[in-house]
């Protein structure tokens, strides 16, 4: 559900859509999904999705996202179609919040870690196509993401947060002993990476335009075998192999407990590399770069410690810690398999 309350009553929605898009709405249905306030609106001709974003969403971010979507649409990538307003913009504003209208995407979504082998490899193919096309898109920046997610400083900050959370765990937290063990393991892994990983390797990896949050959660499937990719707000330049292994870890049903199927991961990277050429650093350090990004996060643990009803976030936190342990233990195996089996790699 939306993260902020909405004043968009039905009569207001009808008025806004009529005045700004010249569309007569006869049916309205609220949808509880994501962080925006989402409404399905229907005219006599077709259905649309209206999104009201929280106050933190900027006009610049919407312009950026619609520009990327229109660019990819012209490259025959299945993306949502945003509707222009009568003011010739892809958004309108109501009570200082941004609203967009897009054509309804008919289809279904999948939960994390429910994809079979074919669905998993299809995800790699879609990511490969998107990334290949985005190579020619001008305007995306790295936005400091390497320092924020993939640096010694990010690990140091994470260790501080984990130590702080560990000292503040509620005595009546039913998972207190598990949290203590998980946080201790994550702290130790973070310290090892901080002391022993050579962070200058990251800038030698393939840094390029990508979706920025690509996973099964951003895919809408239909019965005709077409898949639409949504939510390009976080698109930026980043180490592309991170996007590859992260998206694999979220779709393969065999990875639902955080333990990856290395055979399938190798096939996933092979499929992606049909569209985008990787280099030797990508393959050698893929496990470490993903581990650096997730190992020192307190996300899920902190939220559940504050509110025991946050069971979904608890499950996600436990999954990611199991994934951290697996990546840490199998770093060399993942690296060796990928370097052995992925051909036509750029030497750095």
Protein backbone atom coordinates (compact mmCIF):
# COMPACT_ATOMS: atom_id res chain seq x y z
CA UNK A 1 0.00 0.00 0.00
CA UNK A 2 1.04 3.62 -0.40
CA UNK A 3 3.42 5.00 2.20
CA UNK A 4 1.42 8.22 2.62
CA UNK A 5 -2.30 8.79 3.03
CA UNK A 6 -4.08 10.07 -0.01
CA UNK A 7 -6.78 12.71 -0.42
CA UNK A 8 -7.67 11.37 -3.86
CA UNK A 9 -11.35 10.68 -3.42
CA UNK A 10 -13.21 9.20 -6.38
CA UNK A 11 -14.80 12.47 -7.44
CA UNK A 12 -11.38 14.17 -7.38
CA UNK A 13 -9.85 11.42 -9.51
CA UNK A 14 -12.63 11.73 -12.09
CA UNK A 15 -12.18 15.50 -12.20
CA UNK A 16 -8.37 15.35 -12.50
CA UNK A 17 -8.42 12.76 -15.28
CA UNK A 18 -11.12 14.61 -17.19
CA UNK A 19 -9.45 18.00 -16.92
CA UNK A 20 -5.89 16.85 -17.58
CA UNK A 21 -6.34 13.92 -19.97
CA UNK A 22 -9.80 14.41 -21.49
CA UNK A 23 -10.79 10.92 -20.35
CA UNK A 24 -14.19 10.14 -18.84
CA UNK A 25 -13.77 7.66 -15.99
CA UNK A 26 -16.69 5.41 -15.06
CA UNK A 27 -14.96 2.87 -12.79
CA UNK A 28 -12.26 3.25 -10.12
CA UNK A 29 -10.49 0.53 -8.16
CA UNK A 30 -7.72 1.07 -5.60
CA UNK A 31 -4.73 -1.31 -5.70
CA UNK A 32 -2.58 -2.01 -2.65
CA UNK A 33 0.87 -2.53 -4.15
CA UNK A 34 4.18 -0.73 -3.86
CA UNK A 35 4.94 2.59 -2.17
CA UNK A 36 2.81 4.81 -4.43
CA UNK A 37 -0.95 5.21 -4.10
CA UNK A 38 -2.18 3.23 -7.10
CA UNK A 39 -5.63 3.37 -8.66
CA UNK A 40 -7.01 1.47 -11.62
CA UNK A 41 -9.28 3.74 -13.65
CA UNK A 42 -11.42 2.65 -16.56
CA UNK A 43 -13.07 4.54 -19.38
CA UNK A 44 -15.44 3.04 -21.93
CA UNK A 45 -12.50 2.48 -24.26
CA UNK A 46 -9.68 1.16 -22.04
CA UNK A 47 -8.13 0.84 -18.60
CA UNK A 48 -5.36 2.92 -17.07
CA UNK A 49 -3.21 3.00 -13.94
CA UNK A 50 -3.05 6.25 -12.00
CA UNK A 51 -0.17 6.62 -9.53
CA UNK A 52 0.10 9.26 -6.84
CA UNK A 53 3.66 9.37 -5.50
CA UNK A 54 4.77 10.42 -2.05
CA UNK A 55 6.01 13.97 -1.54
CA UNK A 56 9.62 12.87 -1.90
CA UNK A 57 9.20 12.04 -5.59
CA UNK A 58 10.55 14.87 -7.73
CA UNK A 59 9.51 16.13 -11.16
CA UNK A 60 13.07 15.47 -12.36
CA UNK A 61 12.82 11.78 -11.42
CA UNK A 62 9.56 11.37 -13.34
CA UNK A 63 11.01 13.13 -16.38
CA UNK A 64 14.03 10.84 -16.18
CA UNK A 65 11.92 7.69 -15.92
CA UNK A 66 9.54 8.61 -18.74
CA UNK A 67 12.48 9.53 -20.96
CA UNK A 68 14.07 6.10 -20.39
CA UNK A 69 10.77 4.31 -20.92
CA UNK A 70 10.09 6.12 -24.18
CA UNK A 71 13.65 5.41 -25.32
CA UNK A 72 13.27 1.68 -24.64
CA UNK A 73 9.79 1.58 -26.19
CA UNK A 74 11.32 2.78 -29.44
CA UNK A 75 13.78 -0.14 -29.17
CA UNK A 76 10.91 -2.66 -28.95
CA UNK A 77 11.36 -3.31 -25.23
CA UNK A 78 8.04 -3.94 -23.48
CA UNK A 79 7.57 -1.07 -21.03
CA UNK A 80 4.55 0.84 -19.66
CA UNK A 81 3.09 3.56 -21.89
CA UNK A 82 2.75 6.88 -20.06
CA UNK A 83 -0.04 9.22 -21.11
CA UNK A 84 0.68 12.88 -21.83
CA UNK A 85 -1.52 15.47 -20.18
CA UNK A 86 -3.21 18.34 -21.96
CA UNK A 87 -0.25 20.44 -20.72
CA UNK A 88 2.04 18.17 -22.80
CA UNK A 89 3.67 16.65 -19.70
CA UNK A 90 3.91 13.06 -18.54
CA UNK A 91 2.73 14.04 -15.06
CA UNK A 92 0.37 16.34 -13.21
CA UNK A 93 0.41 17.60 -9.62
CA UNK A 94 -2.22 17.49 -6.90
CA UNK A 95 -1.60 18.92 -3.41
CA UNK A 96 2.14 19.07 -4.16
CA UNK A 97 2.28 15.41 -5.12
CA UNK A 98 3.14 14.07 -8.55
CA UNK A 99 0.57 11.96 -10.40
CA UNK A 100 1.14 9.95 -13.56
CA UNK A 101 -1.30 8.10 -15.80
CA UNK A 102 -0.22 5.08 -17.81
CA UNK A 103 -1.92 2.46 -19.91
CA UNK A 104 -2.97 -0.61 -17.97
CA UNK A 105 -0.62 -3.57 -18.43
CA UNK A 106 -2.73 -6.70 -18.59
CA UNK A 107 -0.94 -9.60 -16.97
CA UNK A 108 0.27 -11.15 -13.75
CA UNK A 109 3.24 -10.85 -11.42
CA UNK A 110 5.36 -13.47 -9.68
CA UNK A 111 6.57 -13.59 -6.10
CA UNK A 112 10.25 -13.71 -5.27
CA UNK A 113 11.95 -17.08 -5.78
CA UNK A 114 9.08 -18.79 -7.59
CA UNK A 115 10.60 -18.94 -11.09
CA UNK A 116 11.39 -22.26 -12.74
CA UNK A 117 14.52 -22.72 -14.86
CA UNK A 118 12.98 -21.33 -18.07
CA UNK A 119 11.48 -18.31 -16.30
CA UNK A 120 14.82 -17.67 -14.62
CA UNK A 121 16.78 -17.70 -17.88
CA UNK A 122 14.11 -15.54 -19.53
CA UNK A 123 14.80 -12.90 -16.86
CA UNK A 124 18.48 -12.86 -17.86
CA UNK A 125 17.51 -12.46 -21.51
CA UNK A 126 15.26 -9.48 -20.74
CA UNK A 127 17.94 -7.82 -18.60
CA UNK A 128 20.49 -8.40 -21.35
CA UNK A 129 18.27 -6.74 -23.96
CA UNK A 130 17.55 -3.74 -21.72
CA UNK A 131 21.20 -3.24 -20.83
CA UNK A 132 22.32 -3.56 -24.44
CA UNK A 133 19.92 -0.82 -25.51
CA UNK A 134 20.71 1.44 -22.56
CA UNK A 135 24.36 1.53 -23.63
CA UNK A 136 23.27 4.17 -26.13
CA UNK A 137 21.17 6.19 -23.68
CA UNK A 138 22.77 9.53 -22.78
CA UNK A 139 22.30 11.17 -19.40
CA UNK A 140 22.56 8.52 -16.69
CA UNK A 141 25.19 9.01 -14.00
CA UNK A 142 26.76 6.77 -11.40
CA UNK A 143 25.28 9.02 -8.66
CA UNK A 144 27.85 7.96 -6.05
CA UNK A 145 26.45 4.44 -5.90
CA UNK A 146 29.89 2.81 -5.68
CA UNK A 147 30.82 4.81 -2.57
CA UNK A 148 27.36 4.29 -1.09
CA UNK A 149 27.02 0.52 -1.66
CA UNK A 150 30.36 -0.96 -2.67
CA UNK A 151 33.08 0.72 -0.59
CA UNK A 152 35.09 0.16 2.57
CA UNK A 153 33.26 3.15 4.06
CA UNK A 154 29.87 1.55 3.37
CA UNK A 155 30.99 -1.56 5.26
CA UNK A 156 32.30 0.54 8.16
CA UNK A 157 28.99 2.41 8.38
CA UNK A 158 27.09 -0.87 8.24
CA UNK A 159 29.17 -2.39 11.04
CA UNK A 160 28.37 0.61 13.23
CA UNK A 161 24.64 0.25 12.52
CA UNK A 162 24.68 -3.49 13.22
CA UNK A 163 26.53 -3.05 16.52
CA UNK A 164 24.03 -0.36 17.52
CA UNK A 165 21.05 -2.54 16.62
CA UNK A 166 22.54 -5.53 18.43
CA UNK A 167 22.76 -3.46 21.62
CA UNK A 168 19.13 -2.33 21.26
CA UNK A 169 17.37 -5.64 20.56
CA UNK A 170 14.20 -5.91 22.61
CA UNK A 171 14.32 -8.49 25.38
CA UNK A 172 10.89 -9.80 24.34
CA UNK A 173 11.82 -10.05 20.64
CA UNK A 174 10.92 -13.69 19.83
CA UNK A 175 13.87 -13.83 17.39
CA UNK A 176 16.39 -12.13 19.70
CA UNK A 177 18.88 -15.02 19.81
CA UNK A 178 18.64 -15.51 16.02
CA UNK A 179 19.14 -11.77 15.44
CA UNK A 180 22.21 -11.76 17.70
CA UNK A 181 23.77 -14.68 15.82
CA UNK A 182 22.90 -13.23 12.40
CA UNK A 183 24.23 -9.77 13.22
CA UNK A 184 27.43 -11.23 14.67
CA UNK A 185 27.99 -13.32 11.53
CA UNK A 186 27.31 -10.30 9.30
CA UNK A 187 29.68 -8.13 11.34
CA UNK A 188 32.45 -10.71 11.03
CA UNK A 189 31.94 -11.08 7.28
CA UNK A 190 31.93 -7.28 6.91
CA UNK A 191 35.18 -6.95 8.85
CA UNK A 192 36.84 -9.62 6.72
CA UNK A 193 35.79 -7.90 3.48
CA UNK A 194 36.81 -4.49 4.81
CA UNK A 195 40.30 -5.72 5.69
CA UNK A 196 41.01 -8.05 2.79
CA UNK A 197 39.08 -7.00 -0.32
CA UNK A 198 40.88 -4.63 -2.69
CA UNK A 199 38.17 -2.08 -3.45
CA UNK A 200 39.96 -0.59 -6.44
CA UNK A 201 38.93 -3.75 -8.31
CA UNK A 202 35.34 -2.51 -8.44
CA UNK A 203 36.12 0.36 -10.78
CA UNK A 204 37.76 -2.12 -13.13
CA UNK A 205 34.48 -3.99 -13.45
CA UNK A 206 32.02 -3.21 -16.26
CA UNK A 207 30.23 -0.01 -15.20
CA UNK A 208 27.29 0.81 -17.43
CA UNK A 209 23.70 2.03 -17.64
CA UNK A 210 21.17 -0.33 -16.12
CA UNK A 211 17.69 -0.54 -14.60
CA UNK A 212 19.08 -0.16 -11.08
CA UNK A 213 16.42 -2.28 -9.35
CA UNK A 214 15.82 -5.09 -11.83
CA UNK A 215 14.20 -8.18 -10.32
CA UNK A 216 11.18 -10.42 -10.74
CA UNK A 217 9.18 -7.78 -8.86
CA UNK A 218 9.57 -5.43 -11.83
CA UNK A 219 8.21 -7.91 -14.37
CA UNK A 220 4.60 -8.26 -15.55
CA UNK A 221 3.88 -11.43 -17.52
CA UNK A 222 0.97 -12.27 -19.81
CA UNK A 223 -0.38 -15.44 -21.43
CA UNK A 224 1.01 -14.44 -24.83
CA UNK A 225 4.57 -14.83 -23.56
CA UNK A 226 5.23 -11.08 -23.39
CA UNK A 227 6.91 -9.55 -20.36
CA UNK A 228 6.72 -5.87 -19.46
CA UNK A 229 9.45 -4.24 -17.35
CA UNK A 230 8.40 -1.45 -14.99
CA UNK A 231 9.92 1.05 -12.51
CA UNK A 232 12.97 2.68 -14.07
CA UNK A 233 13.19 5.46 -11.46
CA UNK A 234 16.49 4.11 -10.07
CA UNK A 235 18.21 3.63 -13.45
CA UNK A 236 21.87 4.63 -13.25
CA UNK A 237 25.41 3.59 -14.09
CA UNK A 238 26.56 0.72 -11.87
CA UNK A 239 28.64 -2.47 -11.85
CA UNK A 240 26.45 -4.48 -14.20
CA UNK A 241 27.37 -7.89 -12.82
CA UNK A 242 25.78 -6.81 -9.51
CA UNK A 243 22.45 -6.33 -11.30
CA UNK A 244 22.88 -9.76 -12.91
CA UNK A 245 23.56 -11.83 -9.78
CA UNK A 246 21.07 -9.88 -7.67
CA UNK A 247 18.25 -10.45 -10.16
CA UNK A 248 19.13 -14.15 -10.37
CA UNK A 249 18.98 -14.51 -6.58
CA UNK A 250 15.44 -13.07 -6.50
CA UNK A 251 13.81 -15.20 -9.19
CA UNK A 252 15.14 -18.79 -9.03
CA UNK A 253 12.90 -20.95 -6.85
CA UNK A 254 15.93 -23.05 -5.94
CA UNK A 255 17.46 -19.99 -4.27
CA UNK A 256 14.51 -19.31 -1.97
CA UNK A 257 16.48 -20.21 1.15
CA UNK A 258 19.44 -18.07 0.09
CA UNK A 259 21.47 -20.98 -1.32
CA UNK A 260 22.15 -20.40 -5.02
CA UNK A 261 22.15 -23.06 -7.72
CA UNK A 262 25.55 -22.35 -9.25
CA UNK A 263 24.73 -24.33 -12.41
CA UNK A 264 21.70 -22.11 -13.05
CA UNK A 265 23.62 -18.97 -12.08
CA UNK A 266 26.26 -19.84 -14.70
CA UNK A 267 23.53 -20.29 -17.33
CA UNK A 268 21.96 -16.99 -16.23
CA UNK A 269 25.24 -15.12 -16.72
CA UNK A 270 25.80 -16.92 -20.05
CA UNK A 271 22.40 -15.77 -21.30
CA UNK A 272 23.02 -12.18 -20.22
CA UNK A 273 26.47 -12.18 -21.84
CA UNK A 274 24.90 -12.91 -25.22
CA UNK A 275 23.84 -9.25 -25.19
CA UNK A 276 26.48 -7.50 -23.07
CA UNK A 277 30.18 -8.35 -22.97
CA UNK A 278 31.56 -8.85 -19.47
CA UNK A 279 35.17 -8.63 -18.34
CA UNK A 280 37.41 -10.82 -16.22
CA UNK A 281 36.85 -8.71 -13.07
CA UNK A 282 33.08 -9.12 -13.38
CA UNK A 283 33.35 -12.90 -13.29
CA UNK A 284 36.08 -13.10 -10.67
CA UNK A 285 34.54 -10.77 -8.09
CA UNK A 286 30.80 -11.15 -8.66
CA UNK A 287 30.13 -12.83 -5.31
CA UNK A 288 32.14 -10.24 -3.36
CA UNK A 289 30.46 -7.23 -4.95
CA UNK A 290 27.00 -8.57 -4.13
CA UNK A 291 28.11 -9.51 -0.63
CA UNK A 292 29.60 -6.06 -0.01
CA UNK A 293 26.27 -4.46 -0.92
CA UNK A 294 24.02 -6.58 1.33
CA UNK A 295 26.12 -7.95 4.18
CA UNK A 296 26.06 -4.96 6.52
CA UNK A 297 22.44 -3.95 6.01
CA UNK A 298 20.11 -3.96 9.03
CA UNK A 299 17.03 -3.76 6.80
CA UNK A 300 14.32 -6.08 8.03
CA UNK A 301 15.93 -6.71 11.39
CA UNK A 302 15.45 -3.15 12.59
CA UNK A 303 11.89 -2.93 11.28
CA UNK A 304 10.84 -6.19 12.92
CA UNK A 305 12.51 -5.25 16.21
CA UNK A 306 10.37 -2.08 16.19
CA UNK A 307 7.16 -3.83 15.11
CA UNK A 308 6.61 -7.59 15.40
CA UNK A 309 3.89 -7.45 12.74
CA UNK A 310 6.55 -6.83 10.05
CA UNK A 311 6.88 -10.56 9.34
CA UNK A 312 7.41 -10.05 5.61
CA UNK A 313 10.46 -7.88 6.27
CA UNK A 314 11.68 -10.42 8.82
CA UNK A 315 11.55 -13.20 6.21
CA UNK A 316 13.44 -11.01 3.75
CA UNK A 317 16.14 -10.23 6.33
CA UNK A 318 16.64 -13.90 7.18
CA UNK A 319 16.78 -14.78 3.46
CA UNK A 320 19.47 -12.18 2.78
CA UNK A 321 21.59 -13.29 5.71
CA UNK A 322 21.47 -16.89 4.48
CA UNK A 323 22.43 -15.54 1.05
CA UNK A 324 25.38 -13.67 2.62
CA UNK A 325 26.60 -16.85 4.28
CA UNK A 326 26.32 -18.74 1.00
CA UNK A 327 28.17 -16.09 -1.02
CA UNK A 328 30.89 -15.86 1.63
CA UNK A 329 31.38 -19.62 1.72
CA UNK A 330 31.18 -20.21 -2.04
CA UNK A 331 33.01 -17.13 -3.35
CA UNK A 332 35.84 -19.10 -4.94
CA UNK A 333 33.55 -21.74 -6.43
CA UNK A 334 31.30 -19.12 -8.07
CA UNK A 335 34.31 -17.22 -9.39
CA UNK A 336 36.01 -20.35 -10.72
CA UNK A 337 32.90 -21.68 -12.48
CA UNK A 338 32.10 -18.39 -14.16
CA UNK A 339 35.69 -17.79 -15.32
CA UNK A 340 35.85 -21.32 -16.69
CA UNK A 341 32.50 -21.38 -18.49
CA UNK A 342 31.85 -17.81 -19.71
CA UNK A 343 33.75 -17.27 -22.95
CA UNK A 344 34.60 -14.16 -24.99
CA UNK A 345 35.42 -12.06 -21.92
CA UNK A 346 37.23 -8.72 -22.13
CA UNK A 347 40.66 -8.66 -20.51
CA UNK A 348 41.36 -5.69 -18.25
